[in-house]
Amino acid sequence: MDFLLSSLSDGLLIGFIYGVAAMGLTLIFGVMDVINLAHGPIIALGMFGIYLTFNNIGLQPYIGLILVAAIGLLLGIIIYLIVVRRVLDAPHLSTLLATFSVNMIIIGLGTAYFSTAPYNVDFSLGRVSLGPITLLGTRVIGALAAILVTIGLYLFLYRTRPGRYIRAVANNRNAAELMGVPSNKILALSFGLGTMLAAFSGGLIATFFPFTILAGGSYELKSFVICVLGGMGNPIGALLGGLILGLIEGIIPTIMETTWVPVVEFALFVIILLVRPSGLLGAKK
């Protein structure tokens, strides 16, 4: 029972980080109807961002996250202006190919610079004991950081003018433009925010898992599962989906081999698509 409680708690903490990763993907889809296939490599860049700031500059990882998030925002805006904006109104295949091209460019450059060897951030905050449950300090802080980011995103979208503009463009871009909303700037900001969330989640993951430049691919697939669970286009639903996926990853090792984890995850993905394709909470603009 103690092992089960610890495993569930651990999975729940990781689920918060998964939720933040999926928020970036679902935010971009909800605003501009674009599936960002460069999501995984950007998560990996966030991992290496923390590695470089910690090992080369000496920044504490949670301070380095601020720098990683800022660079992620800027990178997202640049990708939108150079690549995505040109194919935004084209058929979906064009946007898929465009973001997949960015995916391959990042992986190619990352492989040339970092190789595919595993890296890790040698950082620890000890352990936290709550009765029979023992948790890694980095995962507890990572979950708290993910919660704060989720609250911040919600307040930004629903309590600020740029956030209202983002929701207006997501609901009806043409009508928003008629009301004076600078849609091109708002779309660039939305893509930047989605990229920032991906990089931020990668930075958190780097504090407790080894990684390579290819590591983002698995988290991108998890993000798709989470988006379907919570509802594509619903950033808050992504957090719920992340928690569900984290709990599944916590339960499975207690009853069967860990190799069954992806099998169960993608079986759930298929079932949700068949039974409730809009997700548990449905799309929300």
C-alpha atoms as a PDB file:
ATOM      1  CA  MET A   1       0.000   0.000   0.000  1.00  0.00           C
ATOM      2  CA  ASP A   2       2.843   2.393   0.826  1.00  0.00           C
ATOM      3  CA  PHE A   3       4.405   1.714  -2.579  1.00  0.00           C
ATOM      4  CA  LEU A   4       1.054   2.304  -4.286  1.00  0.00           C
ATOM      5  CA  LEU A   5       0.529   5.630  -2.489  1.00  0.00           C
ATOM      6  CA  SER A   6       4.062   6.786  -3.290  1.00  0.00           C
ATOM      7  CA  SER A   7       3.722   5.737  -6.927  1.00  0.00           C
ATOM      8  CA  LEU A   8       0.359   7.486  -7.306  1.00  0.00           C
ATOM      9  CA  SER A   9       1.663  10.652  -5.666  1.00  0.00           C
ATOM     10  CA  ASP A  10       4.742  10.617  -7.867  1.00  0.00           C
ATOM     11  CA  GLY A  11       2.606  10.133 -10.979  1.00  0.00           C
ATOM     12  CA  LEU A  12       0.320  12.965  -9.925  1.00  0.00           C
ATOM     13  CA  LEU A  13       3.255  15.358  -9.525  1.00  0.00           C
ATOM     14  CA  ILE A  14       4.601  14.445 -12.961  1.00  0.00           C
ATOM     15  CA  GLY A  15       1.077  14.853 -14.338  1.00  0.00           C
ATOM     16  CA  PHE A  16       1.164  18.572 -13.544  1.00  0.00           C
ATOM     17  CA  ILE A  17       4.269  18.970 -15.728  1.00  0.00           C
ATOM     18  CA  TYR A  18       2.667  16.893 -18.488  1.00  0.00           C
ATOM     19  CA  GLY A  19      -0.305  19.244 -18.288  1.00  0.00           C
ATOM     20  CA  VAL A  20       1.871  22.313 -18.859  1.00  0.00           C
ATOM     21  CA  ALA A  21       3.522  20.635 -21.872  1.00  0.00           C
ATOM     22  CA  ALA A  22       0.104  19.866 -23.363  1.00  0.00           C
ATOM     23  CA  MET A  23      -1.157  23.400 -22.671  1.00  0.00           C
ATOM     24  CA  GLY A  24       1.359  24.746 -25.158  1.00  0.00           C
ATOM     25  CA  LEU A  25       0.141  22.359 -27.851  1.00  0.00           C
ATOM     26  CA  THR A  26      -3.563  22.892 -27.212  1.00  0.00           C
ATOM     27  CA  LEU A  27      -3.241  26.688 -26.940  1.00  0.00           C
ATOM     28  CA  ILE A  28      -1.743  26.895 -30.425  1.00  0.00           C
ATOM     29  CA  PHE A  29      -4.379  24.558 -31.831  1.00  0.00           C
ATOM     30  CA  GLY A  30      -7.241  26.371 -30.109  1.00  0.00           C
ATOM     31  CA  VAL A  31      -6.221  29.797 -31.381  1.00  0.00           C
ATOM     32  CA  MET A  32      -5.025  29.094 -34.917  1.00  0.00           C
ATOM     33  CA  ASP A  33      -6.116  25.511 -35.668  1.00  0.00           C
ATOM     34  CA  VAL A  34      -2.500  24.435 -36.187  1.00  0.00           C
ATOM     35  CA  ILE A  35      -1.026  21.163 -34.919  1.00  0.00           C
ATOM     36  CA  ASN A  36       2.542  21.997 -33.968  1.00  0.00           C
ATOM     37  CA  LEU A  37       4.755  19.030 -34.831  1.00  0.00           C
ATOM     38  CA  ALA A  38       7.796  20.964 -33.567  1.00  0.00           C
ATOM     39  CA  HIS A  39       6.420  20.675 -30.029  1.00  0.00           C
ATOM     40  CA  GLY A  40       8.659  17.760 -29.008  1.00  0.00           C
ATOM     41  CA  PRO A  41      12.003  19.240 -30.073  1.00  0.00           C
ATOM     42  CA  ILE A  42      11.083  22.505 -28.325  1.00  0.00           C
ATOM     43  CA  ILE A  43      10.515  20.534 -25.118  1.00  0.00           C
ATOM     44  CA  ALA A  44      13.986  19.049 -25.649  1.00  0.00           C
ATOM     45  CA  LEU A  45      15.428  22.539 -26.156  1.00  0.00           C
ATOM     46  CA  GLY A  46      13.951  23.510 -22.797  1.00  0.00           C
ATOM     47  CA  MET A  47      15.769  20.553 -21.239  1.00  0.00           C
ATOM     48  CA  PHE A  48      19.084  21.594 -22.761  1.00  0.00           C
ATOM     49  CA  GLY A  49      18.418  25.212 -21.824  1.00  0.00           C
ATOM     50  CA  ILE A  50      18.366  24.233 -18.139  1.00  0.00           C
ATOM     51  CA  TYR A  51      21.402  21.990 -18.634  1.00  0.00           C
ATOM     52  CA  LEU A  52      23.429  24.819 -20.189  1.00  0.00           C
ATOM     53  CA  THR A  53      22.374  27.530 -17.725  1.00  0.00           C
ATOM     54  CA  PHE A  54      23.087  25.225 -14.773  1.00  0.00           C
ATOM     55  CA  ASN A  55      26.404  23.755 -15.936  1.00  0.00           C
ATOM     56  CA  ASN A  56      27.867  26.655 -17.926  1.00  0.00           C
ATOM     57  CA  ILE A  57      26.491  29.721 -16.146  1.00  0.00           C
ATOM     58  CA  GLY A  58      25.830  28.262 -12.717  1.00  0.00           C
ATOM     59  CA  LEU A  59      22.226  29.416 -12.498  1.00  0.00           C
ATOM     60  CA  GLN A  60      19.969  27.495 -10.129  1.00  0.00           C
ATOM     61  CA  PRO A  61      17.538  25.538 -12.388  1.00  0.00           C
ATOM     62  CA  TYR A  62      14.398  27.323 -11.198  1.00  0.00           C
ATOM     63  CA  ILE A  63      15.998  30.686 -11.928  1.00  0.00           C
ATOM     64  CA  GLY A  64      17.203  29.350 -15.264  1.00  0.00           C
ATOM     65  CA  LEU A  65      13.581  28.492 -16.076  1.00  0.00           C
ATOM     66  CA  ILE A  66      12.830  32.207 -16.331  1.00  0.00           C
ATOM     67  CA  LEU A  67      15.506  32.603 -19.000  1.00  0.00           C
ATOM     68  CA  VAL A  68      14.369  29.417 -20.779  1.00  0.00           C
ATOM     69  CA  ALA A  69      10.753  30.631 -20.796  1.00  0.00           C
ATOM     70  CA  ALA A  70      11.746  34.034 -22.215  1.00  0.00           C
ATOM     71  CA  ILE A  71      13.847  32.438 -24.970  1.00  0.00           C
ATOM     72  CA  GLY A  72      11.004  30.008 -25.700  1.00  0.00           C
ATOM     73  CA  LEU A  73       8.567  32.910 -26.131  1.00  0.00           C
ATOM     74  CA  LEU A  74      10.947  34.682 -28.516  1.00  0.00           C
ATOM     75  CA  LEU A  75      11.676  31.473 -30.448  1.00  0.00           C
ATOM     76  CA  GLY A  76       7.953  30.804 -30.876  1.00  0.00           C
ATOM     77  CA  ILE A  77       7.327  34.276 -32.255  1.00  0.00           C
ATOM     78  CA  ILE A  78      10.222  33.874 -34.700  1.00  0.00           C
ATOM     79  CA  ILE A  79       8.952  30.462 -35.866  1.00  0.00           C
ATOM     80  CA  TYR A  80       5.493  31.918 -36.382  1.00  0.00           C
ATOM     81  CA  LEU A  81       6.729  34.931 -38.369  1.00  0.00           C
ATOM     82  CA  ILE A  82       9.125  32.968 -40.576  1.00  0.00           C
ATOM     83  CA  VAL A  83       7.239  29.697 -41.069  1.00  0.00           C
ATOM     84  CA  VAL A  84       3.708  29.387 -39.702  1.00  0.00           C
ATOM     85  CA  ARG A  85       2.314  32.746 -40.834  1.00  0.00           C
ATOM     86  CA  ARG A  86       2.987  31.887 -44.463  1.00  0.00           C
ATOM     87  CA  VAL A  87       0.903  28.696 -44.365  1.00  0.00           C
ATOM     88  CA  LEU A  88      -1.705  29.670 -41.789  1.00  0.00           C
ATOM     89  CA  ASP A  89      -4.553  29.856 -44.297  1.00  0.00           C
ATOM     90  CA  ALA A  90      -3.281  26.965 -46.413  1.00  0.00           C
ATOM     91  CA  PRO A  91      -4.632  23.384 -46.162  1.00  0.00           C
ATOM     92  CA  HIS A  92      -3.848  21.535 -42.909  1.00  0.00           C
ATOM     93  CA  LEU A  93      -1.238  19.399 -44.653  1.00  0.00           C
ATOM     94  CA  SER A  94       0.820  22.530 -45.337  1.00  0.00           C
ATOM     95  CA  THR A  95       0.916  23.533 -41.667  1.00  0.00           C
ATOM     96  CA  LEU A  96       1.791  19.978 -40.672  1.00  0.00           C
ATOM     97  CA  LEU A  97       4.652  19.873 -43.160  1.00  0.00           C
ATOM     98  CA  ALA A  98       5.848  23.337 -42.129  1.00  0.00           C
ATOM     99  CA  THR A  99       6.003  22.529 -38.409  1.00  0.00           C
ATOM    100  CA  PHE A 100       7.462  19.088 -39.146  1.00  0.00           C
ATOM    101  CA  SER A 101      10.226  20.853 -41.105  1.00  0.00           C
ATOM    102  CA  VAL A 102      10.982  22.976 -38.039  1.00  0.00           C
ATOM    103  CA  ASN A 103      10.978  19.731 -36.034  1.00  0.00           C
ATOM    104  CA  MET A 104      13.641  18.195 -38.279  1.00  0.00           C
ATOM    105  CA  ILE A 105      15.739  21.367 -38.349  1.00  0.00           C
ATOM    106  CA  ILE A 106      15.865  21.536 -34.544  1.00  0.00           C
ATOM    107  CA  ILE A 107      16.664  17.827 -34.227  1.00  0.00           C
ATOM    108  CA  GLY A 108      19.334  18.061 -36.931  1.00  0.00           C
ATOM    109  CA  LEU A 109      21.054  21.068 -35.383  1.00  0.00           C
ATOM    110  CA  GLY A 110      20.676  19.635 -31.878  1.00  0.00           C
ATOM    111  CA  THR A 111      22.148  16.288 -32.914  1.00  0.00           C
ATOM    112  CA  ALA A 112      25.090  18.021 -34.584  1.00  0.00           C
ATOM    113  CA  TYR A 113      25.824  20.056 -31.451  1.00  0.00           C
ATOM    114  CA  PHE A 114      24.829  17.739 -28.580  1.00  0.00           C
ATOM    115  CA  SER A 115      24.886  14.330 -30.341  1.00  0.00           C
ATOM    116  CA  THR A 116      22.270  11.816 -29.168  1.00  0.00           C
ATOM    117  CA  ALA A 117      24.131  10.985 -25.953  1.00  0.00           C
ATOM    118  CA  PRO A 118      22.115  11.263 -22.720  1.00  0.00           C
ATOM    119  CA  TYR A 119      22.543  14.294 -20.466  1.00  0.00           C
ATOM    120  CA  ASN A 120      21.316  15.043 -16.993  1.00  0.00           C
ATOM    121  CA  VAL A 121      21.121  17.999 -14.627  1.00  0.00           C
ATOM    122  CA  ASP A 122      22.930  17.016 -11.425  1.00  0.00           C
ATOM    123  CA  PHE A 123      20.604  18.855  -9.074  1.00  0.00           C
ATOM    124  CA  SER A 124      18.712  17.630  -6.035  1.00  0.00           C
ATOM    125  CA  LEU A 125      16.416  19.056  -3.385  1.00  0.00           C
ATOM    126  CA  GLY A 126      16.414  15.923  -1.271  1.00  0.00           C
ATOM    127  CA  ARG A 127      13.228  14.106  -0.338  1.00  0.00           C
ATOM    128  CA  VAL A 128       9.961  15.155   1.245  1.00  0.00           C
ATOM    129  CA  SER A 129       8.221  12.715   3.594  1.00  0.00           C
ATOM    130  CA  LEU A 130       4.476  12.898   4.164  1.00  0.00           C
ATOM    131  CA  GLY A 131       3.706  10.002   6.473  1.00  0.00           C
ATOM    132  CA  PRO A 132       4.285   6.790   4.504  1.00  0.00           C
ATOM    133  CA  ILE A 133       4.788   8.755   1.263  1.00  0.00           C
ATOM    134  CA  THR A 134       8.273   9.863   0.219  1.00  0.00           C
ATOM    135  CA  LEU A 135       8.631  12.250  -2.718  1.00  0.00           C
ATOM    136  CA  LEU A 136      11.563  13.810  -4.516  1.00  0.00           C
ATOM    137  CA  GLY A 137      11.873  17.514  -3.721  1.00  0.00           C
ATOM    138  CA  THR A 138      12.464  18.427  -7.367  1.00  0.00           C
ATOM    139  CA  ARG A 139       9.151  16.838  -8.357  1.00  0.00           C
ATOM    140  CA  VAL A 140       7.261  18.649  -5.615  1.00  0.00           C
ATOM    141  CA  ILE A 141       8.738  22.008  -6.652  1.00  0.00           C
ATOM    142  CA  GLY A 142       8.177  21.150 -10.318  1.00  0.00           C
ATOM    143  CA  ALA A 143       4.492  20.446  -9.654  1.00  0.00           C
ATOM    144  CA  LEU A 144       4.136  23.715  -7.711  1.00  0.00           C
ATOM    145  CA  ALA A 145       5.795  25.610 -10.565  1.00  0.00           C
ATOM    146  CA  ALA A 146       3.400  23.949 -13.043  1.00  0.00           C
ATOM    147  CA  ILE A 147       0.412  24.979 -10.907  1.00  0.00           C
ATOM    148  CA  LEU A 148       1.648  28.571 -10.747  1.00  0.00           C
ATOM    149  CA  VAL A 149       2.124  28.647 -14.522  1.00  0.00           C
ATOM    150  CA  THR A 150      -1.402  27.287 -15.025  1.00  0.00           C
ATOM    151  CA  ILE A 151      -2.865  29.959 -12.744  1.00  0.00           C
ATOM    152  CA  GLY A 152      -0.796  32.598 -14.517  1.00  0.00           C
ATOM    153  CA  LEU A 153      -2.009  31.441 -17.940  1.00  0.00           C
ATOM    154  CA  TYR A 154      -5.633  31.470 -16.774  1.00  0.00           C
ATOM    155  CA  LEU A 155      -5.311  34.987 -15.350  1.00  0.00           C
ATOM    156  CA  PHE A 156      -3.561  36.168 -18.496  1.00  0.00           C
ATOM    157  CA  LEU A 157      -6.257  34.773 -20.805  1.00  0.00           C
ATOM    158  CA  TYR A 158      -9.230  35.964 -18.732  1.00  0.00           C
ATOM    159  CA  ARG A 159      -7.992  39.071 -16.899  1.00  0.00           C
ATOM    160  CA  THR A 160      -5.809  40.950 -19.398  1.00  0.00           C
ATOM    161  CA  ARG A 161      -6.479  42.723 -22.672  1.00  0.00           C
ATOM    162  CA  PRO A 162      -4.028  40.595 -24.735  1.00  0.00           C
ATOM    163  CA  GLY A 163      -5.673  37.512 -23.237  1.00  0.00           C
ATOM    164  CA  ARG A 164      -9.120  38.722 -24.273  1.00  0.00           C
ATOM    165  CA  TYR A 165      -7.728  39.426 -27.737  1.00  0.00           C
ATOM    166  CA  ILE A 166      -6.388  35.859 -27.925  1.00  0.00           C
ATOM    167  CA  ARG A 167      -9.800  34.440 -27.011  1.00  0.00           C
ATOM    168  CA  ALA A 168     -11.503  36.756 -29.503  1.00  0.00           C
ATOM    169  CA  VAL A 169      -9.220  35.652 -32.340  1.00  0.00           C
ATOM    170  CA  ALA A 170      -9.747  32.018 -31.341  1.00  0.00           C
ATOM    171  CA  ASN A 171     -13.526  32.447 -31.507  1.00  0.00           C
ATOM    172  CA  ASN A 172     -13.715  34.405 -34.746  1.00  0.00           C
ATOM    173  CA  ARG A 173     -10.610  35.880 -36.320  1.00  0.00           C
ATOM    174  CA  ASN A 174     -12.442  37.929 -38.956  1.00  0.00           C
ATOM    175  CA  ALA A 175     -14.857  39.458 -36.460  1.00  0.00           C
ATOM    176  CA  ALA A 176     -11.978  40.261 -34.108  1.00  0.00           C
ATOM    177  CA  GLU A 177     -10.156  42.073 -36.917  1.00  0.00           C
ATOM    178  CA  LEU A 178     -13.279  44.120 -37.634  1.00  0.00           C
ATOM    179  CA  MET A 179     -13.280  45.183 -33.975  1.00  0.00           C
ATOM    180  CA  GLY A 180      -9.715  46.425 -34.285  1.00  0.00           C
ATOM    181  CA  VAL A 181      -7.836  43.450 -32.862  1.00  0.00           C
ATOM    182  CA  PRO A 182      -4.343  43.137 -34.450  1.00  0.00           C
ATOM    183  CA  SER A 183      -4.794  39.478 -35.288  1.00  0.00           C
ATOM    184  CA  ASN A 184      -1.332  38.906 -36.755  1.00  0.00           C
ATOM    185  CA  LYS A 185       0.368  40.139 -33.578  1.00  0.00           C
ATOM    186  CA  ILE A 186      -2.017  38.131 -31.418  1.00  0.00           C
ATOM    187  CA  LEU A 187      -1.371  34.954 -33.414  1.00  0.00           C
ATOM    188  CA  ALA A 188       2.375  35.508 -33.057  1.00  0.00           C
ATOM    189  CA  LEU A 189       1.929  36.008 -29.307  1.00  0.00           C
ATOM    190  CA  SER A 190      -0.203  32.848 -29.055  1.00  0.00           C
ATOM    191  CA  PHE A 191       2.381  30.734 -30.861  1.00  0.00           C
ATOM    192  CA  GLY A 192       5.073  32.267 -28.678  1.00  0.00           C
ATOM    193  CA  LEU A 193       3.150  31.411 -25.508  1.00  0.00           C
ATOM    194  CA  GLY A 194       2.602  27.833 -26.678  1.00  0.00           C
ATOM    195  CA  THR A 195       6.308  27.462 -27.396  1.00  0.00           C
ATOM    196  CA  MET A 196       7.192  29.044 -24.060  1.00  0.00           C
ATOM    197  CA  LEU A 197       5.026  26.515 -22.201  1.00  0.00           C
ATOM    198  CA  ALA A 198       6.684  23.641 -24.083  1.00  0.00           C
ATOM    199  CA  ALA A 199      10.177  24.919 -23.240  1.00  0.00           C
ATOM    200  CA  PHE A 200       9.184  25.550 -19.624  1.00  0.00           C
ATOM    201  CA  SER A 201       7.862  22.019 -19.194  1.00  0.00           C
ATOM    202  CA  GLY A 202      11.040  20.625 -20.744  1.00  0.00           C
ATOM    203  CA  GLY A 203      13.091  22.604 -18.247  1.00  0.00           C
ATOM    204  CA  LEU A 204      11.109  21.117 -15.347  1.00  0.00           C
ATOM    205  CA  ILE A 205      11.434  17.579 -16.715  1.00  0.00           C
ATOM    206  CA  ALA A 206      15.211  18.024 -17.007  1.00  0.00           C
ATOM    207  CA  THR A 207      15.498  18.412 -13.233  1.00  0.00           C
ATOM    208  CA  PHE A 208      14.506  14.787 -12.602  1.00  0.00           C
ATOM    209  CA  PHE A 209      14.943  12.696 -15.787  1.00  0.00           C
ATOM    210  CA  PRO A 210      17.962  12.122 -18.078  1.00  0.00           C
ATOM    211  CA  PHE A 211      17.348  13.346 -21.628  1.00  0.00           C
ATOM    212  CA  THR A 212      18.661  13.507 -25.172  1.00  0.00           C
ATOM    213  CA  ILE A 213      17.856  15.795 -28.083  1.00  0.00           C
ATOM    214  CA  LEU A 214      15.338  13.141 -29.178  1.00  0.00           C
ATOM    215  CA  ALA A 215      13.643  12.933 -25.774  1.00  0.00           C
ATOM    216  CA  GLY A 216      10.982  15.493 -26.644  1.00  0.00           C
ATOM    217  CA  GLY A 217       9.310  13.086 -29.072  1.00  0.00           C
ATOM    218  CA  SER A 218       7.822  10.916 -26.316  1.00  0.00           C
ATOM    219  CA  TYR A 219       6.521  13.963 -24.466  1.00  0.00           C
ATOM    220  CA  GLU A 220       4.996  15.288 -27.666  1.00  0.00           C
ATOM    221  CA  LEU A 221       3.052  12.031 -28.040  1.00  0.00           C
ATOM    222  CA  LYS A 222       1.946  12.264 -24.402  1.00  0.00           C
ATOM    223  CA  SER A 223       0.815  15.833 -25.095  1.00  0.00           C
ATOM    224  CA  PHE A 224      -1.417  14.626 -27.928  1.00  0.00           C
ATOM    225  CA  VAL A 225      -2.996  12.046 -25.625  1.00  0.00           C
ATOM    226  CA  ILE A 226      -3.521  14.694 -22.952  1.00  0.00           C
ATOM    227  CA  CYS A 227      -5.049  17.152 -25.426  1.00  0.00           C
ATOM    228  CA  VAL A 228      -7.565  14.541 -26.538  1.00  0.00           C
ATOM    229  CA  LEU A 229      -8.350  13.680 -22.911  1.00  0.00           C
ATOM    230  CA  GLY A 230      -8.927  17.282 -21.870  1.00  0.00           C
ATOM    231  CA  GLY A 231     -10.327  18.554 -25.165  1.00  0.00           C
ATOM    232  CA  MET A 232      -8.314  20.062 -28.018  1.00  0.00           C
ATOM    233  CA  GLY A 233      -8.252  23.823 -27.659  1.00  0.00           C
ATOM    234  CA  ASN A 234      -8.857  23.790 -23.886  1.00  0.00           C
ATOM    235  CA  PRO A 235      -5.700  24.793 -21.944  1.00  0.00           C
ATOM    236  CA  ILE A 236      -7.286  24.124 -18.556  1.00  0.00           C
ATOM    237  CA  GLY A 237      -8.564  20.757 -19.765  1.00  0.00           C
ATOM    238  CA  ALA A 238      -4.952  19.946 -20.624  1.00  0.00           C
ATOM    239  CA  LEU A 239      -4.082  20.101 -16.934  1.00  0.00           C
ATOM    240  CA  LEU A 240      -6.825  17.584 -16.143  1.00  0.00           C
ATOM    241  CA  GLY A 241      -5.584  15.327 -18.944  1.00  0.00           C
ATOM    242  CA  GLY A 242      -2.036  15.599 -17.615  1.00  0.00           C
ATOM    243  CA  LEU A 243      -3.135  14.555 -14.139  1.00  0.00           C
ATOM    244  CA  ILE A 244      -5.031  11.564 -15.544  1.00  0.00           C
ATOM    245  CA  LEU A 245      -2.009  10.473 -17.572  1.00  0.00           C
ATOM    246  CA  GLY A 246       0.263  10.943 -14.570  1.00  0.00           C
ATOM    247  CA  LEU A 247      -2.008   8.801 -12.402  1.00  0.00           C
ATOM    248  CA  ILE A 248      -2.027   6.085 -15.066  1.00  0.00           C
ATOM    249  CA  GLU A 249       1.772   6.116 -15.139  1.00  0.00           C
ATOM    250  CA  GLY A 250       1.724   5.865 -11.350  1.00  0.00           C
ATOM    251  CA  ILE A 251      -0.708   2.935 -11.216  1.00  0.00           C
ATOM    252  CA  ILE A 252       0.614   0.740 -14.048  1.00  0.00           C
ATOM    253  CA  PRO A 253       4.044  -0.081 -12.506  1.00  0.00           C
ATOM    254  CA  THR A 254       2.297  -1.357  -9.372  1.00  0.00           C
ATOM    255  CA  ILE A 255       0.264  -3.992 -11.217  1.00  0.00           C
ATOM    256  CA  MET A 256       2.264  -4.847 -14.360  1.00  0.00           C
ATOM    257  CA  GLU A 257       5.523  -4.236 -16.211  1.00  0.00           C
ATOM    258  CA  THR A 258       6.362  -0.611 -17.003  1.00  0.00           C
ATOM    259  CA  THR A 259       6.573  -1.529 -20.695  1.00  0.00           C
ATOM    260  CA  TRP A 260       2.758  -1.610 -20.628  1.00  0.00           C
ATOM    261  CA  VAL A 261       2.546   2.105 -19.810  1.00  0.00           C
ATOM    262  CA  PRO A 262       2.542   3.398 -23.433  1.00  0.00           C
ATOM    263  CA  VAL A 263       0.187   0.589 -24.453  1.00  0.00           C
ATOM    264  CA  VAL A 264      -2.391   1.652 -21.861  1.00  0.00           C
ATOM    265  CA  GLU A 265      -1.898   5.347 -22.638  1.00  0.00           C
ATOM    266  CA  PHE A 266      -2.542   4.972 -26.351  1.00  0.00           C
ATOM    267  CA  ALA A 267      -5.368   2.515 -25.810  1.00  0.00           C
ATOM    268  CA  LEU A 268      -6.989   5.238 -23.704  1.00  0.00           C
ATOM    269  CA  PHE A 269      -6.257   7.701 -26.508  1.00  0.00           C
ATOM    270  CA  VAL A 270      -8.160   5.531 -29.014  1.00  0.00           C
ATOM    271  CA  ILE A 271     -11.059   4.912 -26.612  1.00  0.00           C
ATOM    272  CA  ILE A 272     -11.534   8.633 -25.929  1.00  0.00           C
ATOM    273  CA  LEU A 273     -11.462   9.369 -29.664  1.00  0.00           C
ATOM    274  CA  LEU A 274     -14.170   6.750 -30.235  1.00  0.00           C
ATOM    275  CA  VAL A 275     -16.380   7.537 -27.247  1.00  0.00           C
ATOM    276  CA  ARG A 276     -15.907  11.279 -26.719  1.00  0.00           C
ATOM    277  CA  PRO A 277     -13.821  12.862 -29.491  1.00  0.00           C
ATOM    278  CA  SER A 278     -14.314  16.365 -28.025  1.00  0.00           C
ATOM    279  CA  GLY A 279     -12.510  15.279 -24.839  1.00  0.00           C
ATOM    280  CA  LEU A 280     -13.630  15.189 -21.227  1.00  0.00           C
ATOM    281  CA  LEU A 281     -14.148  18.951 -21.036  1.00  0.00           C
ATOM    282  CA  GLY A 282     -14.519  19.676 -24.743  1.00  0.00           C
ATOM    283  CA  ALA A 283     -12.921  22.513 -26.677  1.00  0.00           C
ATOM    284  CA  LYS A 284     -13.081  25.896 -25.023  1.00  0.00           C
ATOM    285  CA  LYS A 285     -12.320  29.184 -26.675  1.00  0.00           C
END
